[in-house]
Amino acid sequence: MKDSYDVVVVGGGAAGLGGALALSRARRSVLVIDAGSPRNAPAGHIHNYLGREGTPPGELLAIGREEVAGYGGEIVTGTVTSADKAGDGDFRVTLADGATVRARRLLVTTGLVDVLPDIPGVAERWGRDVLHCPYCHGWEVRDQPVGVLAGSPPAVHQALMWRQWTDNVTLFLDDANEPTGEEYEQLAARGIAVIDGGVAGLEVQGDRLTGVRLRTGQVFPLTAVVVPPLFRARADFLTSLGLDTTEMEMAGHVIGTAVASDATGATAVPGVWVAGNVADPKVQVIVAAGAGLSAAAALNADLIAEDTRLAVAGALSR
């Protein structure tokens, strides 16, 4: 790791590697700092990625790293704890081990953390047969019994979505998220069963989900369970730059946090761009990779403008 780079990319997932690849090909000096904890690590495969359908997440990252390195980009394992402005206008990035590195620009692609309901077994089976995105996993559980846990207001929306992949959908209510009269009509019209009582835990046999257990002790056989998590952006280290996260809403309900940016990924702090799930919790892997490319192009244009200003100033001073 050198002392300084044109761009430090914080986060080495699809968005970060997509941006780093474009910037390395643009002949920028690029460092990717990756904590090594990708959100989709529990999942067996990536879906809806044209040309890479069904690729294991780790394999996609390994391919991306090799491509970035092939154009001179550097990748290190580490966790960024803070970033601030140095006296000359560059950014100073500090890692958990105390190391620091300087950058003219930052591309933040740290993703998000799925905050899951506190139900025994949910975290352990997350990404396997405890799911949230039908576009990621719906085909794999098509025509099978799927249960949706009403741990947040979008649960009815989730139940109606998953009905596209299977006609055996059950919505399990809790005490805090009672559907409206209109929503009950929608659920009934689509043949979605609604069960009161609250889920106490998951039933697992031979490392395979077999159902859910209500607080009453009643067990319902299921192949998969859907939970609507709260999406929390991994962006705490940006507070030292005065950049905070904002709440994201869907249908009037808060679904998580993200770092606000414009269409190119530029944030309220000049010189800092974001891409991927840290900016939008809804994007999938292929969209995150594209967002990293778009942000990298805008970031590089900003550097070109700065390089030109400096060149003109240097010429005039001679």
C-alpha atoms as a PDB file:
ATOM      1  CA  MET A   1       0.000   0.000   0.000  1.00  0.00           C
ATOM      2  CA  LYS A   2       1.486   3.310  -1.108  1.00  0.00           C
ATOM      3  CA  ASP A   3       1.050   6.602   0.766  1.00  0.00           C
ATOM      4  CA  SER A   4      -1.434   8.134  -1.662  1.00  0.00           C
ATOM      5  CA  TYR A   5      -3.709   7.324  -4.608  1.00  0.00           C
ATOM      6  CA  ASP A   6      -5.965   9.102  -7.029  1.00  0.00           C
ATOM      7  CA  VAL A   7      -8.900   7.099  -5.665  1.00  0.00           C
ATOM      8  CA  VAL A   8      -9.445   4.951  -2.608  1.00  0.00           C
ATOM      9  CA  VAL A   9     -12.428   2.615  -2.996  1.00  0.00           C
ATOM     10  CA  VAL A  10     -13.864   1.582   0.372  1.00  0.00           C
ATOM     11  CA  GLY A  11     -15.620  -1.750  -0.105  1.00  0.00           C
ATOM     12  CA  GLY A  12     -14.708  -4.566  -2.477  1.00  0.00           C
ATOM     13  CA  GLY A  13     -18.053  -5.966  -3.572  1.00  0.00           C
ATOM     14  CA  ALA A  14     -19.578  -5.731  -7.045  1.00  0.00           C
ATOM     15  CA  ALA A  15     -19.982  -1.939  -6.867  1.00  0.00           C
ATOM     16  CA  GLY A  16     -16.474  -1.334  -5.554  1.00  0.00           C
ATOM     17  CA  LEU A  17     -14.771  -3.681  -7.987  1.00  0.00           C
ATOM     18  CA  GLY A  18     -16.887  -2.350 -10.869  1.00  0.00           C
ATOM     19  CA  GLY A  19     -15.737   1.173 -10.068  1.00  0.00           C
ATOM     20  CA  ALA A  20     -12.130   0.139  -9.459  1.00  0.00           C
ATOM     21  CA  LEU A  21     -11.988  -1.675 -12.803  1.00  0.00           C
ATOM     22  CA  ALA A  22     -13.152   1.399 -14.724  1.00  0.00           C
ATOM     23  CA  LEU A  23     -10.793   3.713 -12.830  1.00  0.00           C
ATOM     24  CA  SER A  24      -7.810   1.389 -13.277  1.00  0.00           C
ATOM     25  CA  ARG A  25      -8.529   1.187 -16.990  1.00  0.00           C
ATOM     26  CA  ALA A  26      -8.636   5.007 -16.962  1.00  0.00           C
ATOM     27  CA  ARG A  27      -5.008   4.860 -15.735  1.00  0.00           C
ATOM     28  CA  ARG A  28      -5.830   6.156 -12.265  1.00  0.00           C
ATOM     29  CA  SER A  29      -3.939   4.898  -9.228  1.00  0.00           C
ATOM     30  CA  VAL A  30      -6.574   2.949  -7.295  1.00  0.00           C
ATOM     31  CA  LEU A  31      -6.637   1.227  -3.934  1.00  0.00           C
ATOM     32  CA  VAL A  32      -9.563  -0.981  -2.893  1.00  0.00           C
ATOM     33  CA  ILE A  33      -9.917  -1.531   0.869  1.00  0.00           C
ATOM     34  CA  ASP A  34     -12.211  -4.464   1.567  1.00  0.00           C
ATOM     35  CA  ALA A  35     -13.299  -5.689   5.010  1.00  0.00           C
ATOM     36  CA  GLY A  36     -14.023  -9.161   3.636  1.00  0.00           C
ATOM     37  CA  SER A  37     -17.615  -9.428   4.871  1.00  0.00           C
ATOM     38  CA  PRO A  38     -19.866  -9.288   1.789  1.00  0.00           C
ATOM     39  CA  ARG A  39     -23.593  -9.108   2.452  1.00  0.00           C
ATOM     40  CA  ASN A  40     -24.380 -11.983   0.082  1.00  0.00           C
ATOM     41  CA  ALA A  41     -21.788 -14.395   1.505  1.00  0.00           C
ATOM     42  CA  PRO A  42     -24.467 -16.772   2.929  1.00  0.00           C
ATOM     43  CA  ALA A  43     -26.123 -17.138  -0.487  1.00  0.00           C
ATOM     44  CA  GLY A  44     -25.108 -20.050  -2.662  1.00  0.00           C
ATOM     45  CA  HIS A  45     -25.449 -18.267  -5.997  1.00  0.00           C
ATOM     46  CA  ILE A  46     -25.956 -14.894  -7.678  1.00  0.00           C
ATOM     47  CA  HIS A  47     -29.009 -14.518  -9.876  1.00  0.00           C
ATOM     48  CA  ASN A  48     -30.193 -12.098 -12.577  1.00  0.00           C
ATOM     49  CA  TYR A  49     -26.575 -11.270 -13.478  1.00  0.00           C
ATOM     50  CA  LEU A  50     -26.523 -11.603 -17.256  1.00  0.00           C
ATOM     51  CA  GLY A  51     -23.687 -13.880 -18.320  1.00  0.00           C
ATOM     52  CA  ARG A  52     -22.962 -14.917 -14.731  1.00  0.00           C
ATOM     53  CA  GLU A  53     -26.298 -16.463 -13.720  1.00  0.00           C
ATOM     54  CA  GLY A  54     -25.822 -18.915 -10.865  1.00  0.00           C
ATOM     55  CA  THR A  55     -22.233 -17.920 -10.092  1.00  0.00           C
ATOM     56  CA  PRO A  56     -21.262 -18.328  -6.416  1.00  0.00           C
ATOM     57  CA  PRO A  57     -20.720 -14.873  -4.818  1.00  0.00           C
ATOM     58  CA  GLY A  58     -17.127 -15.639  -3.812  1.00  0.00           C
ATOM     59  CA  GLU A  59     -16.265 -16.723  -7.340  1.00  0.00           C
ATOM     60  CA  LEU A  60     -17.592 -13.476  -8.818  1.00  0.00           C
ATOM     61  CA  LEU A  61     -15.487 -11.433  -6.367  1.00  0.00           C
ATOM     62  CA  ALA A  62     -12.379 -13.479  -7.164  1.00  0.00           C
ATOM     63  CA  ILE A  63     -12.889 -12.866 -10.894  1.00  0.00           C
ATOM     64  CA  GLY A  64     -13.424  -9.151 -10.275  1.00  0.00           C
ATOM     65  CA  ARG A  65     -10.323  -8.840  -8.122  1.00  0.00           C
ATOM     66  CA  GLU A  66      -8.206 -10.513 -10.777  1.00  0.00           C
ATOM     67  CA  GLU A  67      -9.557  -8.157 -13.438  1.00  0.00           C
ATOM     68  CA  VAL A  68      -8.860  -5.050 -11.324  1.00  0.00           C
ATOM     69  CA  ALA A  69      -5.335  -6.232 -10.501  1.00  0.00           C
ATOM     70  CA  GLY A  70      -4.733  -6.899 -14.195  1.00  0.00           C
ATOM     71  CA  TYR A  71      -5.002  -3.160 -14.852  1.00  0.00           C
ATOM     72  CA  GLY A  72      -2.809  -2.131 -11.932  1.00  0.00           C
ATOM     73  CA  GLY A  73      -5.437  -1.630  -9.239  1.00  0.00           C
ATOM     74  CA  GLU A  74      -4.414  -2.612  -5.723  1.00  0.00           C
ATOM     75  CA  ILE A  75      -6.620  -4.489  -3.235  1.00  0.00           C
ATOM     76  CA  VAL A  76      -5.984  -4.860   0.494  1.00  0.00           C
ATOM     77  CA  THR A  77      -7.973  -6.401   3.315  1.00  0.00           C
ATOM     78  CA  GLY A  78      -8.892  -3.951   6.057  1.00  0.00           C
ATOM     79  CA  THR A  79     -11.641  -1.982   7.757  1.00  0.00           C
ATOM     80  CA  VAL A  80     -11.860   1.784   7.369  1.00  0.00           C
ATOM     81  CA  THR A  81     -12.689   3.473  10.666  1.00  0.00           C
ATOM     82  CA  SER A  82     -12.615   7.148   9.652  1.00  0.00           C
ATOM     83  CA  ALA A  83     -11.947   9.582   6.841  1.00  0.00           C
ATOM     84  CA  ASP A  84     -11.135  13.273   7.065  1.00  0.00           C
ATOM     85  CA  LYS A  85      -9.775  16.086   4.976  1.00  0.00           C
ATOM     86  CA  ALA A  86      -6.034  16.751   5.021  1.00  0.00           C
ATOM     87  CA  GLY A  87      -4.694  20.281   4.846  1.00  0.00           C
ATOM     88  CA  ASP A  88      -4.050  20.127   1.099  1.00  0.00           C
ATOM     89  CA  GLY A  89      -7.599  19.051   0.298  1.00  0.00           C
ATOM     90  CA  ASP A  90      -6.906  15.346  -0.095  1.00  0.00           C
ATOM     91  CA  PHE A  91      -8.693  12.765   2.022  1.00  0.00           C
ATOM     92  CA  ARG A  92      -6.930  10.895   4.787  1.00  0.00           C
ATOM     93  CA  VAL A  93      -8.332   7.398   5.324  1.00  0.00           C
ATOM     94  CA  THR A  94      -7.610   5.550   8.571  1.00  0.00           C
ATOM     95  CA  LEU A  95      -7.849   1.781   8.946  1.00  0.00           C
ATOM     96  CA  ALA A  96      -8.590  -0.248  12.064  1.00  0.00           C
ATOM     97  CA  ASP A  97      -4.939  -1.282  12.374  1.00  0.00           C
ATOM     98  CA  GLY A  98      -3.874   2.371  12.510  1.00  0.00           C
ATOM     99  CA  ALA A  99      -2.564   2.576   8.949  1.00  0.00           C
ATOM    100  CA  THR A 100      -3.453   5.683   6.936  1.00  0.00           C
ATOM    101  CA  VAL A 101      -3.574   6.398   3.237  1.00  0.00           C
ATOM    102  CA  ARG A 102      -4.345   9.556   1.277  1.00  0.00           C
ATOM    103  CA  ALA A 103      -6.668   9.898  -1.699  1.00  0.00           C
ATOM    104  CA  ARG A 104      -7.752  12.673  -4.011  1.00  0.00           C
ATOM    105  CA  ARG A 105     -11.206  11.141  -4.216  1.00  0.00           C
ATOM    106  CA  LEU A 106     -13.239   8.503  -2.348  1.00  0.00           C
ATOM    107  CA  LEU A 107     -15.633   5.934  -3.780  1.00  0.00           C
ATOM    108  CA  VAL A 108     -17.639   4.345  -0.947  1.00  0.00           C
ATOM    109  CA  THR A 109     -19.231   0.979  -1.752  1.00  0.00           C
ATOM    110  CA  THR A 110     -19.495  -0.577   1.702  1.00  0.00           C
ATOM    111  CA  GLY A 111     -23.008  -1.947   1.229  1.00  0.00           C
ATOM    112  CA  LEU A 112     -25.425  -2.543   4.071  1.00  0.00           C
ATOM    113  CA  VAL A 113     -26.226  -4.751   7.032  1.00  0.00           C
ATOM    114  CA  ASP A 114     -29.512  -6.659   7.159  1.00  0.00           C
ATOM    115  CA  VAL A 115     -31.041  -6.096  10.597  1.00  0.00           C
ATOM    116  CA  LEU A 116     -33.080  -9.263  11.139  1.00  0.00           C
ATOM    117  CA  PRO A 117     -35.955  -9.978  13.519  1.00  0.00           C
ATOM    118  CA  ASP A 118     -34.940 -11.479  16.864  1.00  0.00           C
ATOM    119  CA  ILE A 119     -36.402 -14.918  16.200  1.00  0.00           C
ATOM    120  CA  PRO A 120     -34.290 -18.006  16.983  1.00  0.00           C
ATOM    121  CA  GLY A 121     -32.870 -19.540  13.826  1.00  0.00           C
ATOM    122  CA  VAL A 122     -33.471 -16.621  11.471  1.00  0.00           C
ATOM    123  CA  ALA A 123     -29.910 -15.258  11.465  1.00  0.00           C
ATOM    124  CA  GLU A 124     -28.372 -18.732  11.179  1.00  0.00           C
ATOM    125  CA  ARG A 125     -30.378 -19.601   8.056  1.00  0.00           C
ATOM    126  CA  TRP A 126     -30.318 -16.160   6.436  1.00  0.00           C
ATOM    127  CA  GLY A 127     -29.648 -16.322   2.704  1.00  0.00           C
ATOM    128  CA  ARG A 128     -30.288 -20.068   2.575  1.00  0.00           C
ATOM    129  CA  ASP A 129     -33.962 -20.753   3.286  1.00  0.00           C
ATOM    130  CA  VAL A 130     -34.687 -17.549   5.235  1.00  0.00           C
ATOM    131  CA  LEU A 131     -35.058 -15.051   2.418  1.00  0.00           C
ATOM    132  CA  HIS A 132     -36.322 -11.588   1.527  1.00  0.00           C
ATOM    133  CA  CYS A 133     -35.959 -11.036  -2.243  1.00  0.00           C
ATOM    134  CA  PRO A 134     -38.093 -13.106  -4.642  1.00  0.00           C
ATOM    135  CA  TYR A 135     -35.984 -12.010  -7.604  1.00  0.00           C
ATOM    136  CA  CYS A 136     -32.944 -13.520  -5.863  1.00  0.00           C
ATOM    137  CA  HIS A 137     -34.526 -16.736  -4.570  1.00  0.00           C
ATOM    138  CA  GLY A 138     -38.096 -17.049  -5.834  1.00  0.00           C
ATOM    139  CA  TRP A 139     -37.334 -19.460  -8.664  1.00  0.00           C
ATOM    140  CA  GLU A 140     -35.541 -21.811  -6.285  1.00  0.00           C
ATOM    141  CA  VAL A 141     -38.650 -22.195  -4.069  1.00  0.00           C
ATOM    142  CA  ARG A 142     -41.281 -21.968  -6.821  1.00  0.00           C
ATOM    143  CA  ASP A 143     -44.503 -23.875  -6.117  1.00  0.00           C
ATOM    144  CA  GLN A 144     -43.359 -24.650  -2.564  1.00  0.00           C
ATOM    145  CA  PRO A 145     -44.924 -23.552   0.758  1.00  0.00           C
ATOM    146  CA  VAL A 146     -43.489 -20.151   1.727  1.00  0.00           C
ATOM    147  CA  GLY A 147     -44.211 -18.205   4.905  1.00  0.00           C
ATOM    148  CA  VAL A 148     -43.870 -14.427   5.247  1.00  0.00           C
ATOM    149  CA  LEU A 149     -43.213 -13.056   8.746  1.00  0.00           C
ATOM    150  CA  ALA A 150     -44.941  -9.742   9.442  1.00  0.00           C
ATOM    151  CA  GLY A 151     -42.035  -8.161  11.284  1.00  0.00           C
ATOM    152  CA  SER A 152     -42.424  -4.816   9.521  1.00  0.00           C
ATOM    153  CA  PRO A 153     -45.118  -2.936   7.579  1.00  0.00           C
ATOM    154  CA  PRO A 154     -43.943  -4.038   4.063  1.00  0.00           C
ATOM    155  CA  ALA A 155     -44.808  -7.675   4.925  1.00  0.00           C
ATOM    156  CA  VAL A 156     -48.134  -7.572   3.048  1.00  0.00           C
ATOM    157  CA  HIS A 157     -46.288  -6.221   0.013  1.00  0.00           C
ATOM    158  CA  GLN A 158     -43.818  -9.105   0.351  1.00  0.00           C
ATOM    159  CA  ALA A 159     -46.591 -11.690   0.583  1.00  0.00           C
ATOM    160  CA  LEU A 160     -48.251 -10.361  -2.580  1.00  0.00           C
ATOM    161  CA  MET A 161     -44.878 -10.362  -4.354  1.00  0.00           C
ATOM    162  CA  TRP A 162     -44.009 -13.945  -3.454  1.00  0.00           C
ATOM    163  CA  ARG A 163     -47.440 -15.075  -4.655  1.00  0.00           C
ATOM    164  CA  GLN A 164     -46.028 -14.674  -8.181  1.00  0.00           C
ATOM    165  CA  TRP A 165     -43.677 -17.630  -7.594  1.00  0.00           C
ATOM    166  CA  THR A 166     -45.949 -19.935  -5.592  1.00  0.00           C
ATOM    167  CA  ASP A 167     -49.654 -20.190  -4.805  1.00  0.00           C
ATOM    168  CA  ASN A 168     -48.827 -21.535  -1.344  1.00  0.00           C
ATOM    169  CA  VAL A 169     -48.048 -18.361   0.625  1.00  0.00           C
ATOM    170  CA  THR A 170     -48.920 -17.787   4.286  1.00  0.00           C
ATOM    171  CA  LEU A 171     -48.579 -14.471   6.100  1.00  0.00           C
ATOM    172  CA  PHE A 172     -47.807 -14.832   9.815  1.00  0.00           C
ATOM    173  CA  LEU A 173     -48.918 -11.766  11.797  1.00  0.00           C
ATOM    174  CA  ASP A 174     -47.441 -10.288  14.944  1.00  0.00           C
ATOM    175  CA  ASP A 175     -48.995  -7.829  17.361  1.00  0.00           C
ATOM    176  CA  ALA A 176     -47.643  -4.686  15.709  1.00  0.00           C
ATOM    177  CA  ASN A 177     -48.411  -5.057  11.991  1.00  0.00           C
ATOM    178  CA  GLU A 178     -52.104  -5.701  11.467  1.00  0.00           C
ATOM    179  CA  PRO A 179     -53.095  -5.399   7.764  1.00  0.00           C
ATOM    180  CA  THR A 180     -55.669  -2.819   6.770  1.00  0.00           C
ATOM    181  CA  GLY A 181     -59.099  -3.812   5.524  1.00  0.00           C
ATOM    182  CA  GLU A 182     -58.014  -3.218   1.933  1.00  0.00           C
ATOM    183  CA  GLU A 183     -54.915  -5.356   2.452  1.00  0.00           C
ATOM    184  CA  TYR A 184     -57.002  -8.194   3.881  1.00  0.00           C
ATOM    185  CA  GLU A 185     -59.117  -8.046   0.717  1.00  0.00           C
ATOM    186  CA  GLN A 186     -56.004  -8.224  -1.458  1.00  0.00           C
ATOM    187  CA  LEU A 187     -54.569 -11.160   0.474  1.00  0.00           C
ATOM    188  CA  ALA A 188     -57.847 -13.062   0.319  1.00  0.00           C
ATOM    189  CA  ALA A 189     -58.245 -12.406  -3.396  1.00  0.00           C
ATOM    190  CA  ARG A 190     -54.803 -13.879  -4.035  1.00  0.00           C
ATOM    191  CA  GLY A 191     -55.428 -16.909  -1.842  1.00  0.00           C
ATOM    192  CA  ILE A 192     -52.835 -15.944   0.761  1.00  0.00           C
ATOM    193  CA  ALA A 193     -53.586 -17.403   4.191  1.00  0.00           C
ATOM    194  CA  VAL A 194     -53.194 -15.141   7.242  1.00  0.00           C
ATOM    195  CA  ILE A 195     -52.239 -16.650  10.600  1.00  0.00           C
ATOM    196  CA  ASP A 196     -52.321 -14.865  13.976  1.00  0.00           C
ATOM    197  CA  GLY A 197     -50.201 -15.750  16.974  1.00  0.00           C
ATOM    198  CA  GLY A 198     -46.650 -14.656  16.226  1.00  0.00           C
ATOM    199  CA  VAL A 199     -43.706 -16.867  15.268  1.00  0.00           C
ATOM    200  CA  ALA A 200     -41.551 -18.100  18.166  1.00  0.00           C
ATOM    201  CA  GLY A 201     -38.913 -19.971  16.148  1.00  0.00           C
ATOM    202  CA  LEU A 202     -37.993 -22.076  13.145  1.00  0.00           C
ATOM    203  CA  GLU A 203     -38.234 -25.821  12.766  1.00  0.00           C
ATOM    204  CA  VAL A 204     -35.103 -27.374  11.253  1.00  0.00           C
ATOM    205  CA  GLN A 205     -34.299 -31.002  10.502  1.00  0.00           C
ATOM    206  CA  GLY A 206     -31.034 -32.203   8.988  1.00  0.00           C
ATOM    207  CA  ASP A 207     -29.869 -28.656   8.230  1.00  0.00           C
ATOM    208  CA  ARG A 208     -33.080 -27.978   6.319  1.00  0.00           C
ATOM    209  CA  LEU A 209     -35.920 -25.658   7.237  1.00  0.00           C
ATOM    210  CA  THR A 210     -39.151 -27.589   7.680  1.00  0.00           C
ATOM    211  CA  GLY A 211     -41.493 -25.003   9.196  1.00  0.00           C
ATOM    212  CA  VAL A 212     -42.196 -22.330  11.782  1.00  0.00           C
ATOM    213  CA  ARG A 213     -43.399 -22.703  15.357  1.00  0.00           C
ATOM    214  CA  LEU A 214     -45.910 -20.213  16.765  1.00  0.00           C
ATOM    215  CA  ARG A 215     -45.896 -18.933  20.330  1.00  0.00           C
ATOM    216  CA  THR A 216     -48.915 -21.198  20.860  1.00  0.00           C
ATOM    217  CA  GLY A 217     -46.723 -24.208  20.017  1.00  0.00           C
ATOM    218  CA  GLN A 218     -48.489 -24.899  16.724  1.00  0.00           C
ATOM    219  CA  VAL A 219     -46.151 -25.826  13.851  1.00  0.00           C
ATOM    220  CA  PHE A 220     -46.727 -24.929  10.182  1.00  0.00           C
ATOM    221  CA  PRO A 221     -44.734 -26.886   7.548  1.00  0.00           C
ATOM    222  CA  LEU A 222     -42.775 -24.606   5.184  1.00  0.00           C
ATOM    223  CA  THR A 223     -39.891 -24.808   2.732  1.00  0.00           C
ATOM    224  CA  ALA A 224     -38.810 -21.170   3.039  1.00  0.00           C
ATOM    225  CA  VAL A 225     -39.442 -18.208   5.308  1.00  0.00           C
ATOM    226  CA  VAL A 226     -39.460 -14.600   4.123  1.00  0.00           C
ATOM    227  CA  VAL A 227     -38.498 -11.795   6.489  1.00  0.00           C
ATOM    228  CA  PRO A 228     -38.466  -8.094   5.573  1.00  0.00           C
ATOM    229  CA  PRO A 229     -35.232  -6.876   7.220  1.00  0.00           C
ATOM    230  CA  LEU A 230     -34.242  -3.320   8.060  1.00  0.00           C
ATOM    231  CA  PHE A 231     -31.438  -2.230   5.722  1.00  0.00           C
ATOM    232  CA  ARG A 232     -28.717  -0.291   7.588  1.00  0.00           C
ATOM    233  CA  ALA A 233     -26.014   1.361   5.475  1.00  0.00           C
ATOM    234  CA  ARG A 234     -22.421   0.606   6.447  1.00  0.00           C
ATOM    235  CA  ALA A 235     -21.310   4.223   6.572  1.00  0.00           C
ATOM    236  CA  ASP A 236     -20.447   5.112  10.165  1.00  0.00           C
ATOM    237  CA  PHE A 237     -16.892   6.071   9.197  1.00  0.00           C
ATOM    238  CA  LEU A 238     -18.238   8.903   7.018  1.00  0.00           C
ATOM    239  CA  THR A 239     -19.545  10.864  10.011  1.00  0.00           C
ATOM    240  CA  SER A 240     -16.024  12.244  10.485  1.00  0.00           C
ATOM    241  CA  LEU A 241     -16.546  13.993   7.135  1.00  0.00           C
ATOM    242  CA  GLY A 242     -19.954  15.300   8.225  1.00  0.00           C
ATOM    243  CA  LEU A 243     -21.761  12.833   5.987  1.00  0.00           C
ATOM    244  CA  ASP A 244     -24.661  11.074   7.711  1.00  0.00           C
ATOM    245  CA  THR A 245     -27.128   8.511   6.440  1.00  0.00           C
ATOM    246  CA  THR A 246     -30.769   9.300   5.688  1.00  0.00           C
ATOM    247  CA  GLU A 247     -33.875   7.186   6.141  1.00  0.00           C
ATOM    248  CA  MET A 248     -35.229   5.347   3.110  1.00  0.00           C
ATOM    249  CA  GLU A 249     -38.969   4.806   2.750  1.00  0.00           C
ATOM    250  CA  MET A 250     -41.189   2.467   0.767  1.00  0.00           C
ATOM    251  CA  ALA A 251     -44.964   3.000   0.650  1.00  0.00           C
ATOM    252  CA  GLY A 252     -44.631   5.474   3.513  1.00  0.00           C
ATOM    253  CA  HIS A 253     -42.668   3.105   5.768  1.00  0.00           C
ATOM    254  CA  VAL A 254     -38.997   3.346   6.720  1.00  0.00           C
ATOM    255  CA  ILE A 255     -37.129   0.332   5.321  1.00  0.00           C
ATOM    256  CA  GLY A 256     -33.598   1.379   6.236  1.00  0.00           C
ATOM    257  CA  THR A 257     -30.859   3.951   5.798  1.00  0.00           C
ATOM    258  CA  ALA A 258     -28.624   5.020   2.935  1.00  0.00           C
ATOM    259  CA  VAL A 259     -26.126   7.716   2.001  1.00  0.00           C
ATOM    260  CA  ALA A 260     -27.875  10.322  -0.133  1.00  0.00           C
ATOM    261  CA  SER A 261     -26.368  11.105  -3.526  1.00  0.00           C
ATOM    262  CA  ASP A 262     -27.241  12.437  -6.948  1.00  0.00           C
ATOM    263  CA  ALA A 263     -27.737  10.290 -10.049  1.00  0.00           C
ATOM    264  CA  THR A 264     -23.962   9.938 -10.542  1.00  0.00           C
ATOM    265  CA  GLY A 265     -23.326   8.881  -6.940  1.00  0.00           C
ATOM    266  CA  ALA A 266     -21.883  12.226  -5.842  1.00  0.00           C
ATOM    267  CA  THR A 267     -22.644  13.030  -2.193  1.00  0.00           C
ATOM    268  CA  ALA A 268     -23.014  16.315  -0.329  1.00  0.00           C
ATOM    269  CA  VAL A 269     -19.282  16.180   0.453  1.00  0.00           C
ATOM    270  CA  PRO A 270     -17.250  17.204  -2.624  1.00  0.00           C
ATOM    271  CA  GLY A 271     -14.936  14.421  -3.683  1.00  0.00           C
ATOM    272  CA  VAL A 272     -16.953  11.588  -2.134  1.00  0.00           C
ATOM    273  CA  TRP A 273     -19.035   9.253  -4.303  1.00  0.00           C
ATOM    274  CA  VAL A 274     -21.176   6.286  -3.279  1.00  0.00           C
ATOM    275  CA  ALA A 275     -22.495   3.288  -5.225  1.00  0.00           C
ATOM    276  CA  GLY A 276     -24.338   0.042  -4.577  1.00  0.00           C
ATOM    277  CA  ASN A 277     -26.388  -0.857  -1.517  1.00  0.00           C
ATOM    278  CA  VAL A 278     -24.849   1.877   0.636  1.00  0.00           C
ATOM    279  CA  ALA A 279     -26.671   4.321  -1.649  1.00  0.00           C
ATOM    280  CA  ASP A 280     -29.742   2.246  -2.498  1.00  0.00           C
ATOM    281  CA  PRO A 281     -30.713  -0.857  -0.487  1.00  0.00           C
ATOM    282  CA  LYS A 282     -32.926  -2.161  -3.296  1.00  0.00           C
ATOM    283  CA  VAL A 283     -30.285  -2.717  -5.993  1.00  0.00           C
ATOM    284  CA  GLN A 284     -29.119  -6.221  -6.867  1.00  0.00           C
ATOM    285  CA  VAL A 285     -25.594  -7.309  -7.730  1.00  0.00           C
ATOM    286  CA  ILE A 286     -25.647  -6.506 -11.439  1.00  0.00           C
ATOM    287  CA  VAL A 287     -27.115  -3.049 -10.779  1.00  0.00           C
ATOM    288  CA  ALA A 288     -24.541  -2.413  -8.046  1.00  0.00           C
ATOM    289  CA  ALA A 289     -21.734  -3.241 -10.475  1.00  0.00           C
ATOM    290  CA  GLY A 290     -23.209  -0.828 -13.009  1.00  0.00           C
ATOM    291  CA  ALA A 291     -23.592   1.870 -10.357  1.00  0.00           C
ATOM    292  CA  GLY A 292     -19.916   1.472  -9.493  1.00  0.00           C
ATOM    293  CA  LEU A 293     -19.017   2.025 -13.143  1.00  0.00           C
ATOM    294  CA  SER A 294     -21.258   5.106 -13.409  1.00  0.00           C
ATOM    295  CA  ALA A 295     -19.851   6.632 -10.236  1.00  0.00           C
ATOM    296  CA  ALA A 296     -16.305   5.921 -11.397  1.00  0.00           C
ATOM    297  CA  ALA A 297     -16.920   7.696 -14.706  1.00  0.00           C
ATOM    298  CA  ALA A 298     -18.295  10.789 -12.937  1.00  0.00           C
ATOM    299  CA  LEU A 299     -15.447  10.716 -10.417  1.00  0.00           C
ATOM    300  CA  ASN A 300     -12.850  10.430 -13.172  1.00  0.00           C
ATOM    301  CA  ALA A 301     -14.423  13.365 -15.027  1.00  0.00           C
ATOM    302  CA  ASP A 302     -14.068  15.404 -11.849  1.00  0.00           C
ATOM    303  CA  LEU A 303     -10.392  14.465 -11.602  1.00  0.00           C
ATOM    304  CA  ILE A 304      -9.838  15.347 -15.274  1.00  0.00           C
ATOM    305  CA  ALA A 305     -11.340  18.787 -14.645  1.00  0.00           C
ATOM    306  CA  GLU A 306      -9.045  19.255 -11.645  1.00  0.00           C
ATOM    307  CA  ASP A 307      -5.991  18.044 -13.581  1.00  0.00           C
ATOM    308  CA  THR A 308      -6.827  20.553 -16.326  1.00  0.00           C
ATOM    309  CA  ARG A 309      -7.214  23.452 -13.868  1.00  0.00           C
ATOM    310  CA  LEU A 310      -3.883  22.617 -12.261  1.00  0.00           C
ATOM    311  CA  ALA A 311      -2.187  22.350 -15.669  1.00  0.00           C
ATOM    312  CA  VAL A 312      -3.532  25.734 -16.763  1.00  0.00           C
ATOM    313  CA  ALA A 313      -2.470  27.334 -13.492  1.00  0.00           C
ATOM    314  CA  GLY A 314       0.996  25.836 -13.855  1.00  0.00           C
ATOM    315  CA  ALA A 315       1.320  27.081 -17.424  1.00  0.00           C
ATOM    316  CA  LEU A 316       0.273  30.611 -16.474  1.00  0.00           C
ATOM    317  CA  SER A 317       2.772  30.742 -13.620  1.00  0.00           C
ATOM    318  CA  ARG A 318       5.708  29.966 -15.871  1.00  0.00           C
END
